[in-house]
Amino acid sequence: MAIYDTEEEQLEALKRWWKENGTSTFVGVALGIAIIVGWNYWQEHKKDQANQASAIYDELLKAAETDQKDSVDKLAKRLQEQFTGSNYAAYGSLFQAKIKVQQGDIAAAKEILKKLAAGKDKELSHIAKIRLVKLMLASGEYEQGLQVINDVDQSEAAKFSDNYDELVGDLYVALDRLDEARTAYQKALKNGYQSPLLQLKIDDLTAPEKVETKK
């Protein structure tokens, strides 16, 4: 009887525990399963989205190689609409801006580059800013180009600082501020910037002395 009583007590204790905790336990288990299923679904969804974006970007590259400007533009827009914020959309926009320039639509190209320049991806942002400033230089917006560069956070631009220095020199030449242009060019050259035209640009300014490329 002692064993029977003990088992009976254990059964009653289990019933009481289930009555008090059964619902919350069931909910917790169900919630845990839902989280796992949801996470797996999200991961598969992201993978599927990435594959779709990659396929469209490959089409865009092929269209660019064969100079199908309209196709490049349409595919870039498709990436922007369906995969907003992805690197595929951003790089597609770079191609789109290039096509706009080739078509003579400088204003549209600038707008595309401005959006990229304001993006979170720092490397893409600097690439877009450099291309934007080059367009400004070509279209006579010299002061605006200098302002874009002046607004750059130099602590985040180390990889592109020499590109910016050369562009600053180009803008100062256009503004006929030759001493400042020479200083900018020399800064890039001293830092070891490998630009085949940089020394020629300095020579064209009839500098009093040449600067040797940093070894």
N, C-alpha and C. Protein backbone atom coordinates (compact mmCIF):
# COMPACT_ATOMS: atom_id res chain seq x y z
N MET A 1 0.82 -1.21 0.00
CA MET A 1 0.00 0.00 0.00
C MET A 1 0.85 1.25 0.00
N ALA A 2 2.01 1.13 0.69
CA ALA A 2 2.87 2.31 0.77
C ALA A 2 3.32 2.72 -0.63
N ILE A 3 3.66 1.72 -1.46
CA ILE A 3 4.09 2.02 -2.83
C ILE A 3 2.93 2.61 -3.61
N TYR A 4 1.75 2.02 -3.45
CA TYR A 4 0.56 2.50 -4.15
C TYR A 4 0.26 3.94 -3.77
N ASP A 5 0.31 4.18 -2.45
CA ASP A 5 0.04 5.54 -1.98
C ASP A 5 1.04 6.52 -2.57
N THR A 6 2.32 6.14 -2.64
CA THR A 6 3.36 7.03 -3.17
C THR A 6 3.12 7.33 -4.65
N GLU A 7 2.79 6.32 -5.44
CA GLU A 7 2.52 6.51 -6.86
C GLU A 7 1.28 7.36 -7.06
N GLU A 8 0.28 7.10 -6.19
CA GLU A 8 -0.95 7.88 -6.29
C GLU A 8 -0.69 9.34 -5.97
N GLU A 9 0.15 9.57 -4.96
CA GLU A 9 0.50 10.95 -4.59
C GLU A 9 1.28 11.63 -5.72
N GLN A 10 2.18 10.87 -6.33
CA GLN A 10 2.95 11.42 -7.44
C GLN A 10 2.04 11.79 -8.61
N LEU A 11 1.05 10.93 -8.89
CA LEU A 11 0.11 11.19 -9.97
C LEU A 11 -0.73 12.42 -9.68
N GLU A 12 -1.17 12.54 -8.44
CA GLU A 12 -1.96 13.71 -8.05
C GLU A 12 -1.11 14.99 -8.14
N ALA A 13 0.13 14.88 -7.74
CA ALA A 13 1.04 16.04 -7.81
C ALA A 13 1.25 16.46 -9.26
N LEU A 14 1.39 15.45 -10.14
CA LEU A 14 1.57 15.74 -11.57
C LEU A 14 0.33 16.41 -12.15
N LYS A 15 -0.86 15.92 -11.73
CA LYS A 15 -2.10 16.52 -12.21
C LYS A 15 -2.22 17.98 -11.76
N ARG A 16 -1.85 18.20 -10.49
CA ARG A 16 -1.92 19.58 -9.97
C ARG A 16 -0.95 20.48 -10.72
N TRP A 17 0.27 19.99 -10.98
CA TRP A 17 1.27 20.79 -11.71
C TRP A 17 0.79 21.11 -13.11
N TRP A 18 0.21 20.09 -13.77
CA TRP A 18 -0.27 20.31 -15.15
C TRP A 18 -1.42 21.31 -15.17
N LYS A 19 -2.29 21.22 -14.16
CA LYS A 19 -3.41 22.15 -14.08
C LYS A 19 -2.92 23.58 -13.90
N GLU A 20 -1.84 23.73 -13.11
CA GLU A 20 -1.31 25.06 -12.83
C GLU A 20 -0.39 25.56 -13.94
N ASN A 21 0.34 24.67 -14.58
CA ASN A 21 1.38 25.09 -15.54
C ASN A 21 1.21 24.55 -16.96
N GLY A 22 0.23 23.70 -17.15
CA GLY A 22 0.09 23.04 -18.45
C GLY A 22 -0.11 24.00 -19.60
N THR A 23 -0.99 24.99 -19.41
CA THR A 23 -1.30 25.94 -20.49
C THR A 23 -0.07 26.74 -20.89
N SER A 24 0.63 27.27 -19.88
CA SER A 24 1.82 28.08 -20.19
C SER A 24 2.91 27.23 -20.82
N THR A 25 3.03 25.99 -20.39
CA THR A 25 4.02 25.09 -20.98
C THR A 25 3.70 24.83 -22.44
N PHE A 26 2.41 24.54 -22.71
CA PHE A 26 1.98 24.28 -24.09
C PHE A 26 2.23 25.50 -24.98
N VAL A 27 1.88 26.67 -24.44
CA VAL A 27 2.08 27.91 -25.20
C VAL A 27 3.56 28.14 -25.48
N GLY A 28 4.39 27.88 -24.46
CA GLY A 28 5.82 28.07 -24.62
C GLY A 28 6.40 27.16 -25.68
N VAL A 29 5.99 25.89 -25.66
CA VAL A 29 6.47 24.93 -26.66
C VAL A 29 6.00 25.34 -28.06
N ALA A 30 4.72 25.72 -28.15
CA ALA A 30 4.17 26.13 -29.45
C ALA A 30 4.88 27.37 -29.98
N LEU A 31 5.14 28.31 -29.07
CA LEU A 31 5.84 29.53 -29.47
C LEU A 31 7.25 29.23 -29.95
N GLY A 32 7.93 28.31 -29.24
CA GLY A 32 9.28 27.93 -29.63
C GLY A 32 9.31 27.30 -31.02
N ILE A 33 8.32 26.43 -31.28
CA ILE A 33 8.24 25.79 -32.60
C ILE A 33 7.96 26.83 -33.67
N ALA A 34 7.05 27.79 -33.35
CA ALA A 34 6.71 28.84 -34.32
C ALA A 34 7.92 29.69 -34.65
N ILE A 35 8.73 30.01 -33.66
CA ILE A 35 9.93 30.83 -33.87
C ILE A 35 10.92 30.10 -34.78
N ILE A 36 11.10 28.81 -34.51
CA ILE A 36 12.04 28.02 -35.32
C ILE A 36 11.56 27.94 -36.77
N VAL A 37 10.26 27.64 -36.93
CA VAL A 37 9.69 27.55 -38.29
C VAL A 37 9.78 28.89 -39.00
N GLY A 38 9.44 29.98 -38.26
CA GLY A 38 9.50 31.32 -38.85
C GLY A 38 10.90 31.71 -39.25
N TRP A 39 11.89 31.39 -38.41
CA TRP A 39 13.28 31.71 -38.70
C TRP A 39 13.76 30.96 -39.95
N ASN A 40 13.42 29.68 -40.02
CA ASN A 40 13.82 28.89 -41.19
C ASN A 40 13.18 29.43 -42.46
N TYR A 41 11.91 29.82 -42.34
CA TYR A 41 11.22 30.39 -43.50
C TYR A 41 11.88 31.69 -43.93
N TRP A 42 12.22 32.54 -42.96
CA TRP A 42 12.85 33.83 -43.27
C TRP A 42 14.19 33.64 -43.95
N GLN A 43 14.96 32.67 -43.45
CA GLN A 43 16.26 32.40 -44.06
C GLN A 43 16.11 31.90 -45.50
N GLU A 44 15.14 31.04 -45.74
CA GLU A 44 14.89 30.55 -47.09
C GLU A 44 14.39 31.68 -47.99
N HIS A 45 13.57 32.55 -47.41
CA HIS A 45 13.05 33.69 -48.17
C HIS A 45 14.20 34.62 -48.59
N LYS A 46 15.09 34.91 -47.64
CA LYS A 46 16.24 35.77 -47.94
C LYS A 46 17.13 35.14 -49.02
N LYS A 47 17.33 33.85 -48.91
CA LYS A 47 18.16 33.15 -49.90
C LYS A 47 17.52 33.22 -51.27
N ASP A 48 16.20 33.02 -51.31
CA ASP A 48 15.47 33.08 -52.57
C ASP A 48 15.52 34.48 -53.17
N GLN A 49 15.37 35.49 -52.32
CA GLN A 49 15.43 36.88 -52.78
C GLN A 49 16.81 37.20 -53.34
N ALA A 50 17.84 36.75 -52.65
CA ALA A 50 19.21 37.00 -53.10
C ALA A 50 19.46 36.34 -54.45
N ASN A 51 18.95 35.12 -54.62
CA ASN A 51 19.12 34.42 -55.89
C ASN A 51 18.42 35.14 -57.03
N GLN A 52 17.21 35.65 -56.75
CA GLN A 52 16.47 36.39 -57.77
C GLN A 52 17.20 37.68 -58.15
N ALA A 53 17.67 38.41 -57.13
CA ALA A 53 18.39 39.66 -57.39
C ALA A 53 19.67 39.40 -58.17
N SER A 54 20.37 38.33 -57.82
CA SER A 54 21.61 37.98 -58.51
C SER A 54 21.34 37.67 -59.98
N ALA A 55 20.24 36.95 -60.26
CA ALA A 55 19.91 36.59 -61.64
C ALA A 55 19.60 37.85 -62.46
N ILE A 56 18.86 38.78 -61.87
CA ILE A 56 18.54 40.02 -62.59
C ILE A 56 19.81 40.85 -62.82
N TYR A 57 20.68 40.87 -61.81
CA TYR A 57 21.93 41.63 -61.95
C TYR A 57 22.81 41.03 -63.04
N ASP A 58 22.82 39.71 -63.15
CA ASP A 58 23.58 39.06 -64.22
C ASP A 58 23.03 39.48 -65.59
N GLU A 59 21.71 39.56 -65.69
CA GLU A 59 21.10 40.03 -66.94
C GLU A 59 21.54 41.45 -67.25
N LEU A 60 21.58 42.27 -66.20
CA LEU A 60 21.99 43.67 -66.38
C LEU A 60 23.43 43.76 -66.89
N LEU A 61 24.32 42.95 -66.31
CA LEU A 61 25.72 42.96 -66.75
C LEU A 61 25.84 42.56 -68.21
N LYS A 62 25.09 41.54 -68.61
CA LYS A 62 25.13 41.10 -70.01
C LYS A 62 24.59 42.19 -70.93
N ALA A 63 23.54 42.87 -70.48
CA ALA A 63 22.97 43.96 -71.28
C ALA A 63 23.96 45.11 -71.41
N ALA A 64 24.71 45.38 -70.33
CA ALA A 64 25.71 46.45 -70.36
C ALA A 64 26.85 46.10 -71.31
N GLU A 65 27.26 44.83 -71.28
CA GLU A 65 28.36 44.39 -72.15
C GLU A 65 28.00 44.52 -73.63
N THR A 66 26.74 44.33 -73.94
CA THR A 66 26.29 44.40 -75.34
C THR A 66 25.67 45.76 -75.67
N ASP A 67 25.85 46.72 -74.75
CA ASP A 67 25.41 48.11 -74.96
C ASP A 67 23.90 48.22 -75.19
N GLN A 68 23.13 47.42 -74.48
CA GLN A 68 21.67 47.50 -74.55
C GLN A 68 21.19 48.46 -73.45
N LYS A 69 21.27 49.74 -73.75
CA LYS A 69 21.04 50.77 -72.75
C LYS A 69 19.63 50.70 -72.15
N ASP A 70 18.63 50.50 -72.98
CA ASP A 70 17.26 50.44 -72.47
C ASP A 70 17.07 49.27 -71.51
N SER A 71 17.68 48.14 -71.84
CA SER A 71 17.57 46.97 -70.98
C SER A 71 18.26 47.21 -69.64
N VAL A 72 19.43 47.84 -69.69
CA VAL A 72 20.14 48.17 -68.45
C VAL A 72 19.28 49.05 -67.56
N ASP A 73 18.67 50.06 -68.15
CA ASP A 73 17.83 50.99 -67.40
C ASP A 73 16.64 50.26 -66.76
N LYS A 74 15.97 49.41 -67.54
CA LYS A 74 14.80 48.68 -67.04
C LYS A 74 15.18 47.69 -65.93
N LEU A 75 16.28 46.99 -66.13
CA LEU A 75 16.72 46.01 -65.12
C LEU A 75 17.16 46.70 -63.84
N ALA A 76 17.82 47.85 -63.98
CA ALA A 76 18.23 48.61 -62.79
C ALA A 76 17.01 49.07 -62.00
N LYS A 77 16.00 49.55 -62.70
CA LYS A 77 14.76 49.98 -62.04
C LYS A 77 14.06 48.80 -61.36
N ARG A 78 14.11 47.66 -62.00
CA ARG A 78 13.49 46.47 -61.42
C ARG A 78 14.19 46.08 -60.12
N LEU A 79 15.50 46.15 -60.12
CA LEU A 79 16.26 45.86 -58.89
C LEU A 79 15.91 46.85 -57.79
N GLN A 80 15.79 48.12 -58.14
CA GLN A 80 15.46 49.15 -57.16
C GLN A 80 14.06 48.95 -56.58
N GLU A 81 13.13 48.52 -57.41
CA GLU A 81 11.75 48.34 -56.97
C GLU A 81 11.56 47.06 -56.14
N GLN A 82 12.18 45.98 -56.58
CA GLN A 82 11.95 44.69 -55.93
C GLN A 82 12.95 44.37 -54.82
N PHE A 83 14.14 44.96 -54.89
CA PHE A 83 15.18 44.61 -53.92
C PHE A 83 15.82 45.88 -53.35
N THR A 84 14.97 46.80 -52.94
CA THR A 84 15.42 48.07 -52.38
C THR A 84 16.39 47.85 -51.21
N GLY A 85 17.48 48.58 -51.22
CA GLY A 85 18.45 48.49 -50.13
C GLY A 85 19.50 47.42 -50.31
N SER A 86 19.36 46.57 -51.33
CA SER A 86 20.37 45.53 -51.55
C SER A 86 21.54 46.08 -52.34
N ASN A 87 22.68 45.39 -52.24
CA ASN A 87 23.86 45.80 -53.00
C ASN A 87 23.62 45.63 -54.50
N TYR A 88 22.80 44.64 -54.86
CA TYR A 88 22.49 44.45 -56.28
C TYR A 88 21.78 45.68 -56.84
N ALA A 89 20.85 46.23 -56.06
CA ALA A 89 20.13 47.44 -56.49
C ALA A 89 21.09 48.62 -56.60
N ALA A 90 22.00 48.73 -55.62
CA ALA A 90 22.94 49.85 -55.61
C ALA A 90 23.90 49.79 -56.79
N TYR A 91 24.49 48.63 -57.03
CA TYR A 91 25.41 48.51 -58.16
C TYR A 91 24.69 48.64 -59.49
N GLY A 92 23.45 48.18 -59.53
CA GLY A 92 22.65 48.39 -60.73
C GLY A 92 22.43 49.87 -60.99
N SER A 93 22.27 50.64 -59.92
CA SER A 93 22.09 52.09 -60.06
C SER A 93 23.34 52.76 -60.61
N LEU A 94 24.52 52.24 -60.25
CA LEU A 94 25.75 52.79 -60.81
C LEU A 94 25.78 52.61 -62.33
N PHE A 95 25.38 51.44 -62.79
CA PHE A 95 25.31 51.20 -64.23
C PHE A 95 24.26 52.10 -64.87
N GLN A 96 23.15 52.27 -64.17
CA GLN A 96 22.08 53.12 -64.69
C GLN A 96 22.56 54.56 -64.86
N ALA A 97 23.30 55.05 -63.86
CA ALA A 97 23.83 56.42 -63.94
C ALA A 97 24.78 56.56 -65.12
N LYS A 98 25.59 55.53 -65.34
CA LYS A 98 26.53 55.55 -66.47
C LYS A 98 25.78 55.63 -67.80
N ILE A 99 24.71 54.85 -67.90
CA ILE A 99 23.90 54.86 -69.12
C ILE A 99 23.27 56.23 -69.34
N LYS A 100 22.78 56.84 -68.26
CA LYS A 100 22.17 58.17 -68.36
C LYS A 100 23.18 59.20 -68.88
N VAL A 101 24.42 59.09 -68.44
CA VAL A 101 25.46 60.00 -68.91
C VAL A 101 25.69 59.80 -70.40
N GLN A 102 25.77 58.54 -70.81
CA GLN A 102 25.98 58.23 -72.24
C GLN A 102 24.83 58.72 -73.10
N GLN A 103 23.65 58.78 -72.52
CA GLN A 103 22.48 59.27 -73.24
C GLN A 103 22.33 60.78 -73.16
N GLY A 104 23.26 61.41 -72.43
CA GLY A 104 23.23 62.87 -72.31
C GLY A 104 22.29 63.39 -71.24
N ASP A 105 21.72 62.50 -70.44
CA ASP A 105 20.81 62.92 -69.37
C ASP A 105 21.60 63.08 -68.07
N ILE A 106 22.39 64.14 -68.02
CA ILE A 106 23.28 64.37 -66.87
C ILE A 106 22.48 64.59 -65.59
N ALA A 107 21.37 65.30 -65.69
CA ALA A 107 20.56 65.59 -64.50
C ALA A 107 20.06 64.31 -63.84
N ALA A 108 19.59 63.36 -64.67
CA ALA A 108 19.11 62.08 -64.12
C ALA A 108 20.25 61.30 -63.49
N ALA A 109 21.41 61.32 -64.14
CA ALA A 109 22.57 60.62 -63.60
C ALA A 109 22.96 61.19 -62.23
N LYS A 110 22.92 62.50 -62.12
CA LYS A 110 23.27 63.14 -60.84
C LYS A 110 22.31 62.73 -59.72
N GLU A 111 21.02 62.68 -60.05
CA GLU A 111 20.03 62.31 -59.04
C GLU A 111 20.25 60.88 -58.55
N ILE A 112 20.57 59.99 -59.48
CA ILE A 112 20.84 58.60 -59.11
C ILE A 112 22.05 58.53 -58.18
N LEU A 113 23.10 59.25 -58.55
CA LEU A 113 24.33 59.22 -57.75
C LEU A 113 24.15 59.88 -56.39
N LYS A 114 23.33 60.91 -56.33
CA LYS A 114 23.07 61.57 -55.04
C LYS A 114 22.38 60.61 -54.07
N LYS A 115 21.45 59.81 -54.57
CA LYS A 115 20.76 58.83 -53.73
C LYS A 115 21.74 57.78 -53.22
N LEU A 116 22.62 57.32 -54.11
CA LEU A 116 23.63 56.34 -53.70
C LEU A 116 24.61 56.94 -52.69
N ALA A 117 24.96 58.20 -52.92
CA ALA A 117 25.91 58.87 -52.02
C ALA A 117 25.36 59.01 -50.61
N ALA A 118 24.04 59.06 -50.51
CA ALA A 118 23.39 59.21 -49.20
C ALA A 118 23.09 57.86 -48.54
N GLY A 119 23.48 56.77 -49.20
CA GLY A 119 23.19 55.43 -48.68
C GLY A 119 24.07 55.03 -47.51
N LYS A 120 23.73 53.90 -46.90
CA LYS A 120 24.45 53.42 -45.71
C LYS A 120 25.76 52.72 -46.05
N ASP A 121 25.85 52.14 -47.23
CA ASP A 121 27.08 51.45 -47.63
C ASP A 121 28.15 52.49 -47.91
N LYS A 122 29.16 52.55 -47.05
CA LYS A 122 30.17 53.61 -47.12
C LYS A 122 30.99 53.55 -48.41
N GLU A 123 31.38 52.35 -48.82
CA GLU A 123 32.20 52.23 -50.03
C GLU A 123 31.41 52.69 -51.26
N LEU A 124 30.18 52.22 -51.38
CA LEU A 124 29.34 52.63 -52.50
C LEU A 124 29.06 54.14 -52.45
N SER A 125 28.92 54.65 -51.24
CA SER A 125 28.67 56.08 -51.08
C SER A 125 29.83 56.90 -51.63
N HIS A 126 31.07 56.48 -51.33
CA HIS A 126 32.23 57.22 -51.83
C HIS A 126 32.39 57.08 -53.34
N ILE A 127 32.13 55.89 -53.85
CA ILE A 127 32.19 55.70 -55.31
C ILE A 127 31.20 56.63 -56.00
N ALA A 128 29.99 56.70 -55.44
CA ALA A 128 28.95 57.56 -56.02
C ALA A 128 29.34 59.04 -55.92
N LYS A 129 29.92 59.43 -54.79
CA LYS A 129 30.33 60.83 -54.62
C LYS A 129 31.42 61.21 -55.62
N ILE A 130 32.38 60.34 -55.80
CA ILE A 130 33.47 60.61 -56.74
C ILE A 130 32.93 60.77 -58.16
N ARG A 131 32.01 59.89 -58.54
CA ARG A 131 31.42 59.99 -59.88
C ARG A 131 30.55 61.24 -60.00
N LEU A 132 29.87 61.58 -58.92
CA LEU A 132 29.02 62.78 -58.92
C LEU A 132 29.88 64.03 -59.10
N VAL A 133 30.99 64.10 -58.39
CA VAL A 133 31.87 65.27 -58.50
C VAL A 133 32.46 65.36 -59.90
N LYS A 134 32.78 64.23 -60.50
CA LYS A 134 33.30 64.25 -61.88
C LYS A 134 32.26 64.82 -62.84
N LEU A 135 31.00 64.48 -62.63
CA LEU A 135 29.94 65.04 -63.46
C LEU A 135 29.81 66.55 -63.23
N MET A 136 29.92 66.95 -61.97
CA MET A 136 29.86 68.38 -61.65
C MET A 136 31.01 69.13 -62.31
N LEU A 137 32.19 68.52 -62.31
CA LEU A 137 33.35 69.13 -62.96
C LEU A 137 33.08 69.30 -64.45
N ALA A 138 32.52 68.25 -65.06
CA ALA A 138 32.26 68.29 -66.50
C ALA A 138 31.18 69.30 -66.87
N SER A 139 30.26 69.54 -65.94
CA SER A 139 29.15 70.45 -66.24
C SER A 139 29.35 71.85 -65.65
N GLY A 140 30.57 72.12 -65.15
CA GLY A 140 30.90 73.47 -64.70
C GLY A 140 30.44 73.81 -63.29
N GLU A 141 30.05 72.83 -62.52
CA GLU A 141 29.61 73.08 -61.14
C GLU A 141 30.80 72.89 -60.19
N TYR A 142 31.76 73.76 -60.32
CA TYR A 142 33.03 73.58 -59.59
C TYR A 142 32.87 73.78 -58.09
N GLU A 143 32.23 74.84 -57.69
CA GLU A 143 32.06 75.11 -56.26
C GLU A 143 31.20 74.02 -55.61
N GLN A 144 30.18 73.58 -56.33
CA GLN A 144 29.32 72.51 -55.80
C GLN A 144 30.11 71.22 -55.61
N GLY A 145 31.01 70.95 -56.56
CA GLY A 145 31.85 69.76 -56.44
C GLY A 145 32.76 69.83 -55.23
N LEU A 146 33.35 71.00 -55.01
CA LEU A 146 34.20 71.18 -53.83
C LEU A 146 33.40 71.01 -52.54
N GLN A 147 32.16 71.47 -52.55
CA GLN A 147 31.32 71.35 -51.36
C GLN A 147 31.02 69.90 -51.04
N VAL A 148 30.77 69.10 -52.08
CA VAL A 148 30.52 67.67 -51.86
C VAL A 148 31.72 67.03 -51.18
N ILE A 149 32.92 67.37 -51.66
CA ILE A 149 34.14 66.79 -51.07
C ILE A 149 34.38 67.33 -49.67
N ASN A 150 34.11 68.60 -49.46
CA ASN A 150 34.31 69.19 -48.13
C ASN A 150 33.40 68.55 -47.08
N ASP A 151 32.25 68.05 -47.53
CA ASP A 151 31.29 67.43 -46.61
C ASP A 151 31.61 65.98 -46.30
N VAL A 152 32.62 65.44 -46.96
CA VAL A 152 33.00 64.03 -46.74
C VAL A 152 33.66 63.88 -45.38
N ASP A 153 33.26 62.85 -44.65
CA ASP A 153 33.89 62.53 -43.37
C ASP A 153 35.24 61.87 -43.66
N GLN A 154 36.31 62.61 -43.46
CA GLN A 154 37.64 62.13 -43.82
C GLN A 154 38.07 60.90 -43.02
N SER A 155 37.51 60.74 -41.83
CA SER A 155 37.87 59.57 -41.01
C SER A 155 37.35 58.28 -41.63
N GLU A 156 36.36 58.38 -42.53
CA GLU A 156 35.79 57.21 -43.17
C GLU A 156 36.20 57.10 -44.64
N ALA A 157 37.05 58.03 -45.08
CA ALA A 157 37.36 58.10 -46.51
C ALA A 157 38.81 57.79 -46.84
N ALA A 158 39.51 57.13 -45.93
CA ALA A 158 40.94 56.88 -46.13
C ALA A 158 41.23 56.16 -47.45
N LYS A 159 40.40 55.20 -47.78
CA LYS A 159 40.60 54.41 -48.99
C LYS A 159 40.44 55.25 -50.26
N PHE A 160 39.71 56.36 -50.14
CA PHE A 160 39.40 57.17 -51.32
C PHE A 160 40.00 58.58 -51.24
N SER A 161 40.81 58.83 -50.22
CA SER A 161 41.32 60.19 -49.99
C SER A 161 42.12 60.71 -51.18
N ASP A 162 42.92 59.85 -51.81
CA ASP A 162 43.73 60.30 -52.94
C ASP A 162 42.87 60.64 -54.17
N ASN A 163 41.81 59.87 -54.35
CA ASN A 163 40.87 60.19 -55.43
C ASN A 163 40.26 61.57 -55.21
N TYR A 164 39.90 61.82 -53.97
CA TYR A 164 39.33 63.13 -53.63
C TYR A 164 40.35 64.25 -53.83
N ASP A 165 41.60 63.99 -53.42
CA ASP A 165 42.64 65.01 -53.57
C ASP A 165 42.85 65.39 -55.03
N GLU A 166 42.89 64.37 -55.90
CA GLU A 166 43.08 64.66 -57.32
C GLU A 166 41.88 65.44 -57.87
N LEU A 167 40.68 65.07 -57.44
CA LEU A 167 39.49 65.79 -57.89
C LEU A 167 39.49 67.23 -57.40
N VAL A 168 39.93 67.43 -56.17
CA VAL A 168 40.03 68.80 -55.65
C VAL A 168 40.98 69.62 -56.52
N GLY A 169 42.11 69.00 -56.90
CA GLY A 169 43.05 69.68 -57.79
C GLY A 169 42.41 70.03 -59.12
N ASP A 170 41.66 69.10 -59.69
CA ASP A 170 40.97 69.35 -60.97
C ASP A 170 39.99 70.51 -60.85
N LEU A 171 39.25 70.53 -59.74
CA LEU A 171 38.27 71.60 -59.54
C LEU A 171 38.94 72.95 -59.37
N TYR A 172 40.06 72.98 -58.65
CA TYR A 172 40.79 74.24 -58.47
C TYR A 172 41.40 74.73 -59.77
N VAL A 173 41.84 73.80 -60.61
CA VAL A 173 42.35 74.20 -61.93
C VAL A 173 41.23 74.87 -62.72
N ALA A 174 40.06 74.26 -62.68
CA ALA A 174 38.92 74.81 -63.41
C ALA A 174 38.55 76.20 -62.88
N LEU A 175 38.79 76.42 -61.58
CA LEU A 175 38.50 77.72 -60.98
C LEU A 175 39.68 78.70 -61.10
N ASP A 176 40.75 78.24 -61.77
CA ASP A 176 41.97 79.03 -61.95
C ASP A 176 42.63 79.37 -60.61
N ARG A 177 42.50 78.48 -59.66
CA ARG A 177 43.17 78.63 -58.36
C ARG A 177 44.34 77.63 -58.36
N LEU A 178 45.36 77.98 -59.12
CA LEU A 178 46.41 77.03 -59.46
C LEU A 178 47.28 76.61 -58.29
N ASP A 179 47.57 77.52 -57.39
CA ASP A 179 48.39 77.15 -56.23
C ASP A 179 47.69 76.10 -55.37
N GLU A 180 46.39 76.28 -55.18
CA GLU A 180 45.63 75.31 -54.39
C GLU A 180 45.52 73.98 -55.14
N ALA A 181 45.42 74.07 -56.46
CA ALA A 181 45.37 72.85 -57.26
C ALA A 181 46.68 72.07 -57.13
N ARG A 182 47.78 72.79 -57.21
CA ARG A 182 49.09 72.14 -57.10
C ARG A 182 49.23 71.45 -55.74
N THR A 183 48.80 72.13 -54.69
CA THR A 183 48.89 71.55 -53.34
C THR A 183 48.09 70.26 -53.24
N ALA A 184 46.91 70.26 -53.82
CA ALA A 184 46.07 69.05 -53.77
C ALA A 184 46.71 67.92 -54.56
N TYR A 185 47.22 68.21 -55.73
CA TYR A 185 47.88 67.18 -56.55
C TYR A 185 49.11 66.62 -55.83
N GLN A 186 49.89 67.50 -55.26
CA GLN A 186 51.11 67.06 -54.58
C GLN A 186 50.80 66.21 -53.35
N LYS A 187 49.71 66.53 -52.68
CA LYS A 187 49.30 65.74 -51.52
C LYS A 187 49.01 64.30 -51.95
N ALA A 188 48.29 64.16 -53.04
CA ALA A 188 47.97 62.82 -53.55
C ALA A 188 49.23 62.09 -53.99
N LEU A 189 50.11 62.80 -54.67
CA LEU A 189 51.33 62.18 -55.17
C LEU A 189 52.25 61.74 -54.03
N LYS A 190 52.39 62.57 -53.01
CA LYS A 190 53.24 62.24 -51.87
C LYS A 190 52.73 61.01 -51.12
N ASN A 191 51.43 60.81 -51.16
CA ASN A 191 50.83 59.66 -50.47
C ASN A 191 50.91 58.38 -51.31
N GLY A 192 51.58 58.48 -52.46
CA GLY A 192 51.78 57.29 -53.28
C GLY A 192 50.65 56.97 -54.22
N TYR A 193 49.81 57.95 -54.51
CA TYR A 193 48.67 57.70 -55.40
C TYR A 193 49.17 57.36 -56.80
N GLN A 194 48.74 56.23 -57.31
CA GLN A 194 49.18 55.75 -58.62
C GLN A 194 48.21 56.23 -59.71
N SER A 195 48.42 57.43 -60.18
CA SER A 195 47.61 57.98 -61.27
C SER A 195 48.55 58.39 -62.39
N PRO A 196 48.40 57.82 -63.58
CA PRO A 196 49.33 58.11 -64.68
C PRO A 196 49.32 59.58 -65.12
N LEU A 197 48.25 60.28 -64.84
CA LEU A 197 48.14 61.67 -65.29
C LEU A 197 48.51 62.69 -64.21
N LEU A 198 48.70 62.21 -63.00
CA LEU A 198 48.89 63.14 -61.89
C LEU A 198 50.14 63.99 -62.05
N GLN A 199 51.28 63.37 -62.36
CA GLN A 199 52.50 64.15 -62.54
C GLN A 199 52.38 65.10 -63.73
N LEU A 200 51.71 64.66 -64.78
CA LEU A 200 51.50 65.52 -65.95
C LEU A 200 50.66 66.74 -65.57
N LYS A 201 49.68 66.54 -64.71
CA LYS A 201 48.85 67.66 -64.26
C LYS A 201 49.69 68.67 -63.48
N ILE A 202 50.59 68.15 -62.65
CA ILE A 202 51.47 69.04 -61.88
C ILE A 202 52.41 69.79 -62.83
N ASP A 203 52.95 69.07 -63.80
CA ASP A 203 53.84 69.71 -64.76
C ASP A 203 53.13 70.80 -65.56
N ASP A 204 51.88 70.56 -65.89
CA ASP A 204 51.11 71.55 -66.66
C ASP A 204 50.88 72.84 -65.88
N LEU A 205 51.00 72.74 -64.56
CA LEU A 205 50.81 73.94 -63.74
C LEU A 205 52.11 74.74 -63.61
N THR A 206 53.15 74.28 -64.35
CA THR A 206 54.48 74.91 -64.30
C THR A 206 54.93 75.08 -62.86
N ALA A 207 54.86 74.00 -62.12
CA ALA A 207 55.25 74.03 -60.72
C ALA A 207 56.73 74.37 -60.59
N PRO A 208 57.11 75.10 -59.54
CA PRO A 208 58.51 75.45 -59.35
C PRO A 208 59.38 74.23 -59.07
N GLU A 209 58.76 73.18 -58.59
CA GLU A 209 59.53 71.96 -58.33
C GLU A 209 58.61 70.76 -58.46
N LYS A 210 59.19 69.68 -58.92
CA LYS A 210 58.43 68.44 -59.06
C LYS A 210 58.50 67.65 -57.78
N VAL A 211 57.46 66.87 -57.53
CA VAL A 211 57.42 66.02 -56.36
C VAL A 211 57.60 64.60 -56.78
N GLU A 212 58.55 63.92 -56.18
CA GLU A 212 58.78 62.53 -56.52
C GLU A 212 57.72 61.64 -55.89
N THR A 213 57.32 60.64 -56.63
CA THR A 213 56.33 59.70 -56.11
C THR A 213 56.93 58.96 -54.93
N LYS A 214 56.11 58.81 -53.88
CA LYS A 214 56.57 58.11 -52.69
C LYS A 214 56.88 56.67 -53.02
N LYS A 215 58.03 56.22 -52.59
CA LYS A 215 58.46 54.85 -52.85
C LYS A 215 57.92 53.92 -51.77
